[in-house]
C-alpha atoms as a PDB file:
ATOM      1  CA  MET A   1      29.083  21.747  22.066  1.00  0.00           C
ATOM      2  CA  ALA A   2      26.945  19.070  21.445  1.00  0.00           C
ATOM      3  CA  VAL A   3      24.439  21.789  19.533  1.00  0.00           C
ATOM      4  CA  MET A   4      26.731  22.215  16.736  1.00  0.00           C
ATOM      5  CA  ALA A   5      27.598  18.939  16.335  1.00  0.00           C
ATOM      6  CA  LEU A   6      23.840  18.431  15.907  1.00  0.00           C
ATOM      7  CA  VAL A   7      23.641  21.231  13.205  1.00  0.00           C
ATOM      8  CA  LEU A   8      26.554  19.235  11.181  1.00  0.00           C
ATOM      9  CA  LEU A   9      24.658  16.134  11.833  1.00  0.00           C
ATOM     10  CA  THR A  10      21.199  17.184  10.345  1.00  0.00           C
ATOM     11  CA  GLY A  11      22.838  19.590   7.529  1.00  0.00           C
ATOM     12  CA  ALA A  12      24.718  16.469   6.152  1.00  0.00           C
ATOM     13  CA  CYS A  13      21.129  13.949   6.313  1.00  0.00           C
ATOM     14  CA  SER A  14      19.586  17.470   4.665  1.00  0.00           C
ATOM     15  CA  ILE A  15      22.058  17.369   1.963  1.00  0.00           C
ATOM     16  CA  PHE A  16      21.623  13.473   1.556  1.00  0.00           C
ATOM     17  CA  ALA A  17      17.721  13.505   1.636  1.00  0.00           C
ATOM     18  CA  ALA A  18      18.095  16.420  -1.180  1.00  0.00           C
ATOM     19  CA  ALA A  19      20.437  14.380  -3.375  1.00  0.00           C
ATOM     20  CA  ILE A  20      18.354  11.159  -2.814  1.00  0.00           C
ATOM     21  CA  THR A  21      15.294  12.770  -3.351  1.00  0.00           C
ATOM     22  CA  ALA A  22      16.321  14.443  -6.639  1.00  0.00           C
ATOM     23  CA  SER A  23      18.290  11.474  -7.407  1.00  0.00           C
ATOM     24  CA  GLN A  24      14.375   9.454  -7.263  1.00  0.00           C
ATOM     25  CA  ALA A  25      12.454  11.944  -8.220  1.00  0.00           C
ATOM     26  CA  TRP A  26      14.968  12.359 -11.895  1.00  0.00           C
ATOM     27  CA  GLU A  27      13.875   8.567 -12.300  1.00  0.00           C
ATOM     28  CA  GLU A  28      10.497   8.107 -11.324  1.00  0.00           C
ATOM     29  CA  HIS A  29      10.322  11.610 -14.005  1.00  0.00           C
ATOM     30  CA  GLN A  30      11.838   9.180 -16.591  1.00  0.00           C
ATOM     31  CA  GLN A  31       9.591   6.279 -15.895  1.00  0.00           C
ATOM     32  CA  ALA A  32       6.646   7.888 -16.069  1.00  0.00           C
ATOM     33  CA  SER A  33       7.216   8.622 -19.830  1.00  0.00           C
ATOM     34  CA  TRP A  34       7.715   4.611 -20.716  1.00  0.00           C
ATOM     35  CA  PRO A  35       5.288   2.890 -22.483  1.00  0.00           C
ATOM     36  CA  GLN A  36       2.290   1.041 -20.830  1.00  0.00           C
ATOM     37  CA  VAL A  37       1.767  -2.863 -21.749  1.00  0.00           C
ATOM     38  CA  MET A  38      -1.187  -4.885 -20.107  1.00  0.00           C
ATOM     39  CA  SER A  39       0.229  -7.784 -18.210  1.00  0.00           C
ATOM     40  CA  GLN A  40      -0.892 -10.771 -16.412  1.00  0.00           C
ATOM     41  CA  SER A  41      -0.188 -12.008 -13.012  1.00  0.00           C
ATOM     42  CA  GLN A  42       1.524 -15.813 -13.506  1.00  0.00           C
ATOM     43  CA  ASN A  43       2.440 -16.535 -10.007  1.00  0.00           C
ATOM     44  CA  CYS A  44       1.618 -14.197  -6.980  1.00  0.00           C
ATOM     45  CA  GLU A  45       1.889 -16.221  -3.982  1.00  0.00           C
ATOM     46  CA  LEU A  46       2.953 -15.662  -0.446  1.00  0.00           C
ATOM     47  CA  ALA A  47       6.939 -16.268   0.606  1.00  0.00           C
ATOM     48  CA  THR A  48       8.600 -16.730   4.066  1.00  0.00           C
ATOM     49  CA  SER A  49      11.360 -14.445   4.985  1.00  0.00           C
ATOM     50  CA  SER A  50      15.182 -16.253   5.002  1.00  0.00           C
ATOM     51  CA  TYR A  51      15.849 -14.842   8.209  1.00  0.00           C
ATOM     52  CA  SER A  52      12.644 -15.153  10.034  1.00  0.00           C
ATOM     53  CA  PRO A  53       9.613 -17.533   9.937  1.00  0.00           C
ATOM     54  CA  HIS A  54       7.272 -14.796  11.628  1.00  0.00           C
ATOM     55  CA  ARG A  55       7.750 -12.576   8.612  1.00  0.00           C
ATOM     56  CA  ILE A  56       6.422 -12.648   5.288  1.00  0.00           C
ATOM     57  CA  TYR A  57       6.130 -10.779   1.953  1.00  0.00           C
ATOM     58  CA  ILE A  58       4.349 -10.921  -1.468  1.00  0.00           C
ATOM     59  CA  ARG A  59       6.138 -12.087  -4.248  1.00  0.00           C
ATOM     60  CA  CYS A  60       4.438 -11.656  -7.621  1.00  0.00           C
ATOM     61  CA  ALA A  61       5.251 -12.747 -11.453  1.00  0.00           C
ATOM     62  CA  PHE A  62       4.082 -10.480 -14.104  1.00  0.00           C
ATOM     63  CA  GLY A  63       4.185 -11.752 -17.979  1.00  0.00           C
ATOM     64  CA  TYR A  64       3.791  -9.278 -20.445  1.00  0.00           C
ATOM     65  CA  SER A  65       4.878  -8.866 -24.530  1.00  0.00           C
ATOM     66  CA  VAL A  66       6.648  -5.997 -26.191  1.00  0.00           C
ATOM     67  CA  GLY A  67       7.586  -6.307 -29.610  1.00  0.00           C
ATOM     68  CA  GLY A  68       6.390 -10.135 -30.112  1.00  0.00           C
ATOM     69  CA  GLU A  69       8.901 -11.191 -27.241  1.00  0.00           C
ATOM     70  CA  ALA A  70       7.800 -12.113 -23.800  1.00  0.00           C
ATOM     71  CA  HIS A  71       8.820 -10.779 -20.693  1.00  0.00           C
ATOM     72  CA  VAL A  72       8.628 -11.614 -17.435  1.00  0.00           C
ATOM     73  CA  ALA A  73       8.344  -8.893 -14.438  1.00  0.00           C
ATOM     74  CA  HIS A  74       9.000  -9.799 -10.575  1.00  0.00           C
ATOM     75  CA  PHE A  75       8.182  -8.036  -8.024  1.00  0.00           C
ATOM     76  CA  TYR A  76       8.343  -8.266  -4.051  1.00  0.00           C
ATOM     77  CA  SER A  77       6.203  -6.371  -1.553  1.00  0.00           C
ATOM     78  CA  ARG A  78       7.825  -5.245   2.071  1.00  0.00           C
ATOM     79  CA  GLN A  79       8.202  -7.885   4.655  1.00  0.00           C
ATOM     80  CA  PHE A  80       5.287  -8.155   7.512  1.00  0.00           C
ATOM     81  CA  ALA A  81       3.955  -9.994  10.055  1.00  0.00           C
ATOM     82  CA  PRO A  82       1.287 -12.625   9.218  1.00  0.00           C
ATOM     83  CA  ALA A  83      -2.208 -12.370  10.785  1.00  0.00           C
ATOM     84  CA  GLY A  84      -1.564 -14.499  13.449  1.00  0.00           C
ATOM     85  CA  VAL A  85       1.616 -13.470  14.926  1.00  0.00           C
ATOM     86  CA  TRP A  86       1.316 -10.349  17.477  1.00  0.00           C
ATOM     87  CA  GLN A  87       1.173  -6.856  15.935  1.00  0.00           C
ATOM     88  CA  TYR A  88       0.424  -3.106  16.864  1.00  0.00           C
ATOM     89  CA  PRO A  89      -1.724  -1.851  15.210  1.00  0.00           C
ATOM     90  CA  PRO A  90      -3.293  -5.137  14.545  1.00  0.00           C
ATOM     91  CA  ASN A  91      -4.286  -6.573  11.603  1.00  0.00           C
ATOM     92  CA  GLN A  92      -1.544  -4.201   9.430  1.00  0.00           C
ATOM     93  CA  ALA A  93      -1.146  -7.554   6.843  1.00  0.00           C
ATOM     94  CA  SER A  94      -5.087  -7.240   5.598  1.00  0.00           C
ATOM     95  CA  VAL A  95      -4.385  -4.607   2.895  1.00  0.00           C
ATOM     96  CA  LEU A  96      -1.410  -6.964   1.255  1.00  0.00           C
ATOM     97  CA  TYR A  97      -3.796  -9.796   1.657  1.00  0.00           C
ATOM     98  CA  ASP A  98      -6.345  -7.978  -0.149  1.00  0.00           C
ATOM     99  CA  TRP A  99      -3.889  -6.879  -2.907  1.00  0.00           C
ATOM    100  CA  LEU A 100      -2.722 -10.164  -3.142  1.00  0.00           C
ATOM    101  CA  ASN A 101      -6.292 -11.673  -3.481  1.00  0.00           C
ATOM    102  CA  ALA A 102      -6.844  -9.011  -6.109  1.00  0.00           C
ATOM    103  CA  HIS A 103      -3.746 -10.590  -8.448  1.00  0.00           C
ATOM    104  CA  LEU A 104      -4.461 -14.149  -8.125  1.00  0.00           C
ATOM    105  CA  ASP A 105      -3.002 -15.662 -11.659  1.00  0.00           C
ATOM    106  CA  GLY A 106      -4.388 -14.631 -14.675  1.00  0.00           C
ATOM    107  CA  ALA A 107      -5.128 -10.673 -12.853  1.00  0.00           C
ATOM    108  CA  PRO A 108      -4.320  -7.645 -15.507  1.00  0.00           C
ATOM    109  CA  ILE A 109      -2.012  -5.198 -14.451  1.00  0.00           C
ATOM    110  CA  VAL A 110      -0.510  -2.157 -16.150  1.00  0.00           C
ATOM    111  CA  LEU A 111       2.780  -1.609 -16.278  1.00  0.00           C
ATOM    112  CA  ARG A 112       5.630   0.805 -17.588  1.00  0.00           C
ATOM    113  CA  TYR A 113       8.699  -0.880 -19.599  1.00  0.00           C
ATOM    114  CA  ASN A 114      11.786   0.838 -20.709  1.00  0.00           C
ATOM    115  CA  PRO A 115      12.102   1.195 -24.268  1.00  0.00           C
ATOM    116  CA  ALA A 116      15.630   0.756 -24.507  1.00  0.00           C
ATOM    117  CA  ASN A 117      15.641  -2.385 -22.582  1.00  0.00           C
ATOM    118  CA  PRO A 118      12.003  -3.872 -22.230  1.00  0.00           C
ATOM    119  CA  ALA A 119      12.783  -6.595 -19.639  1.00  0.00           C
ATOM    120  CA  LYS A 120      12.605  -3.704 -17.309  1.00  0.00           C
ATOM    121  CA  ALA A 121       9.325  -2.618 -15.984  1.00  0.00           C
ATOM    122  CA  VAL A 122       7.707  -0.761 -13.130  1.00  0.00           C
ATOM    123  CA  MET A 123       4.181  -0.887 -12.124  1.00  0.00           C
ATOM    124  CA  ALA A 124       1.954   1.875 -13.561  1.00  0.00           C
ATOM    125  CA  SER A 125      -1.037   1.400 -10.829  1.00  0.00           C
ATOM    126  CA  ASP A 126      -2.627  -0.472  -8.715  1.00  0.00           C
ATOM    127  CA  TYR A 127       0.532  -0.594  -6.452  1.00  0.00           C
ATOM    128  CA  LEU A 128       1.742  -3.625  -4.157  1.00  0.00           C
ATOM    129  CA  PRO A 129       1.069  -1.648  -1.095  1.00  0.00           C
ATOM    130  CA  GLY A 130       4.274   0.025  -0.255  1.00  0.00           C
ATOM    131  CA  HIS A 131       5.784   0.390  -3.729  1.00  0.00           C
ATOM    132  CA  GLY A 132       4.434   3.415  -6.295  1.00  0.00           C
ATOM    133  CA  ALA A 133       6.302   6.637  -5.921  1.00  0.00           C
ATOM    134  CA  HIS A 134       8.746   7.669  -3.152  1.00  0.00           C
ATOM    135  CA  THR A 135       9.566  11.022  -4.234  1.00  0.00           C
ATOM    136  CA  PRO A 136       6.591  12.338  -1.845  1.00  0.00           C
ATOM    137  CA  ASN A 137       8.004  10.545   1.500  1.00  0.00           C
ATOM    138  CA  ASN A 138      10.976  11.232   0.185  1.00  0.00           C
ATOM    139  CA  LEU A 139      10.476  15.455   0.290  1.00  0.00           C
ATOM    140  CA  LYS A 140       8.656  14.957   3.821  1.00  0.00           C
ATOM    141  CA  LEU A 141      11.861  12.958   5.274  1.00  0.00           C
ATOM    142  CA  LEU A 142      13.928  16.479   3.487  1.00  0.00           C
ATOM    143  CA  ALA A 143      11.796  18.600   4.980  1.00  0.00           C
ATOM    144  CA  ALA A 144      11.868  17.255   8.588  1.00  0.00           C
ATOM    145  CA  PHE A 145      15.858  17.335   8.065  1.00  0.00           C
ATOM    146  CA  ALA A 146      15.927  21.045   6.922  1.00  0.00           C
ATOM    147  CA  SER A 147      13.388  21.941   9.710  1.00  0.00           C
ATOM    148  CA  ALA A 148      15.769  20.529  12.400  1.00  0.00           C
ATOM    149  CA  PHE A 149      18.954  21.809  10.779  1.00  0.00           C
ATOM    150  CA  VAL A 150      17.176  25.635  10.919  1.00  0.00           C
ATOM    151  CA  VAL A 151      15.633  25.050  14.191  1.00  0.00           C
ATOM    152  CA  LEU A 152      19.291  23.478  15.557  1.00  0.00           C
ATOM    153  CA  LEU A 153      21.300  26.553  14.015  1.00  0.00           C
ATOM    154  CA  VAL A 154      18.981  29.279  15.469  1.00  0.00           C
ATOM    155  CA  ILE A 155      19.037  27.326  19.140  1.00  0.00           C
ATOM    156  CA  GLY A 156      23.180  27.238  18.575  1.00  0.00           C
ATOM    157  CA  ARG A 157      23.065  30.528  17.826  1.00  0.00           C
ATOM    158  CA  LEU A 158      21.179  31.691  20.421  1.00  0.00           C
ATOM    159  CA  THR A 159      23.245  29.589  23.112  1.00  0.00           C
ATOM    160  CA  ARG A 160      26.773  30.233  22.036  1.00  0.00           C
ATOM    161  CA  PRO A 161      28.730  31.891  24.514  1.00  0.00           C
ATOM    162  CA  ARG A 162      29.851  35.312  24.003  1.00  0.00           C
ATOM    163  CA  THR A 163      33.032  37.232  23.910  1.00  0.00           C
ATOM    164  CA  PRO A 164      32.897  40.485  26.214  1.00  0.00           C
ATOM    165  CA  TRP A 165      33.379  42.924  22.896  1.00  0.00           C
ATOM    166  CA  GLN A 166      30.142  40.908  21.401  1.00  0.00           C
ATOM    167  CA  VAL A 167      28.225  42.059  24.605  1.00  0.00           C
ATOM    168  CA  GLY A 168      29.539  45.666  24.242  1.00  0.00           C
ATOM    169  CA  LYS A 169      32.269  45.449  26.957  1.00  0.00           C
ATOM    170  CA  PRO A 170      36.015  46.608  25.991  1.00  0.00           C
ATOM    171  CA  PRO A 171      38.137  43.109  26.878  1.00  0.00           C
ATOM    172  CA  ALA A 172      39.916  43.414  29.682  1.00  0.00           C
ATOM    173  CA  PRO A 173      43.754  44.300  29.534  1.00  0.00           C
ATOM    174  CA  LEU A 174      46.194  41.879  29.059  1.00  0.00           C
ATOM    175  CA  GLY A 175      48.954  41.407  31.356  1.00  0.00           C
END
C-alpha cells in the first residue's frame, strides 16, 4: 500500500514538473528572441536579508534606453551566507563577491527587453550566479521524478499480493 502511495506521489510530481518545465521553457524561448540592448550598472550592492542578519544578497539596477526612453531593470541574487559565517562547503559566496566586484557602477551588461513592454528585461549573458536558463535544471528534476515513478511502479507491480487464480491455481470453492 505504501509503495502505491509513493507511485501516486511521484507520478503527480512528474506531471507537475513537466508542466512547470514546459511553461518555463516556453517563456525562456520567447525571451531568447527579444532584442538586445546594452545597459550599465547603476547600483550593485550587498543587502542584508530582512529575516536573518546572517544572510545577504546582491541587488542591482541596470539602466538602459529603448527608443529614447530610459528604463531601469532590477535584479536580485539568491541569499547566501557572508564570508564570516560558517558554511559547508566553505567560501560559497566567493563567486557572488567576484560577480559583484565585476559589476560596480558603470559596468556594461547586455540585457534583452520585451518589445511589447520595454520596461521588462532579462539578462542576456553574464548572469548573476543562480540566474539564467532554468530549463536544463528543470529537465534534470523531471527526469529524477519520472525515473522514481517508473522504478516504484515496477516495484509495486512485482510486490503486489496475487490472488490464487493469478498464480495458476483455481480459487477455492465457496461454502
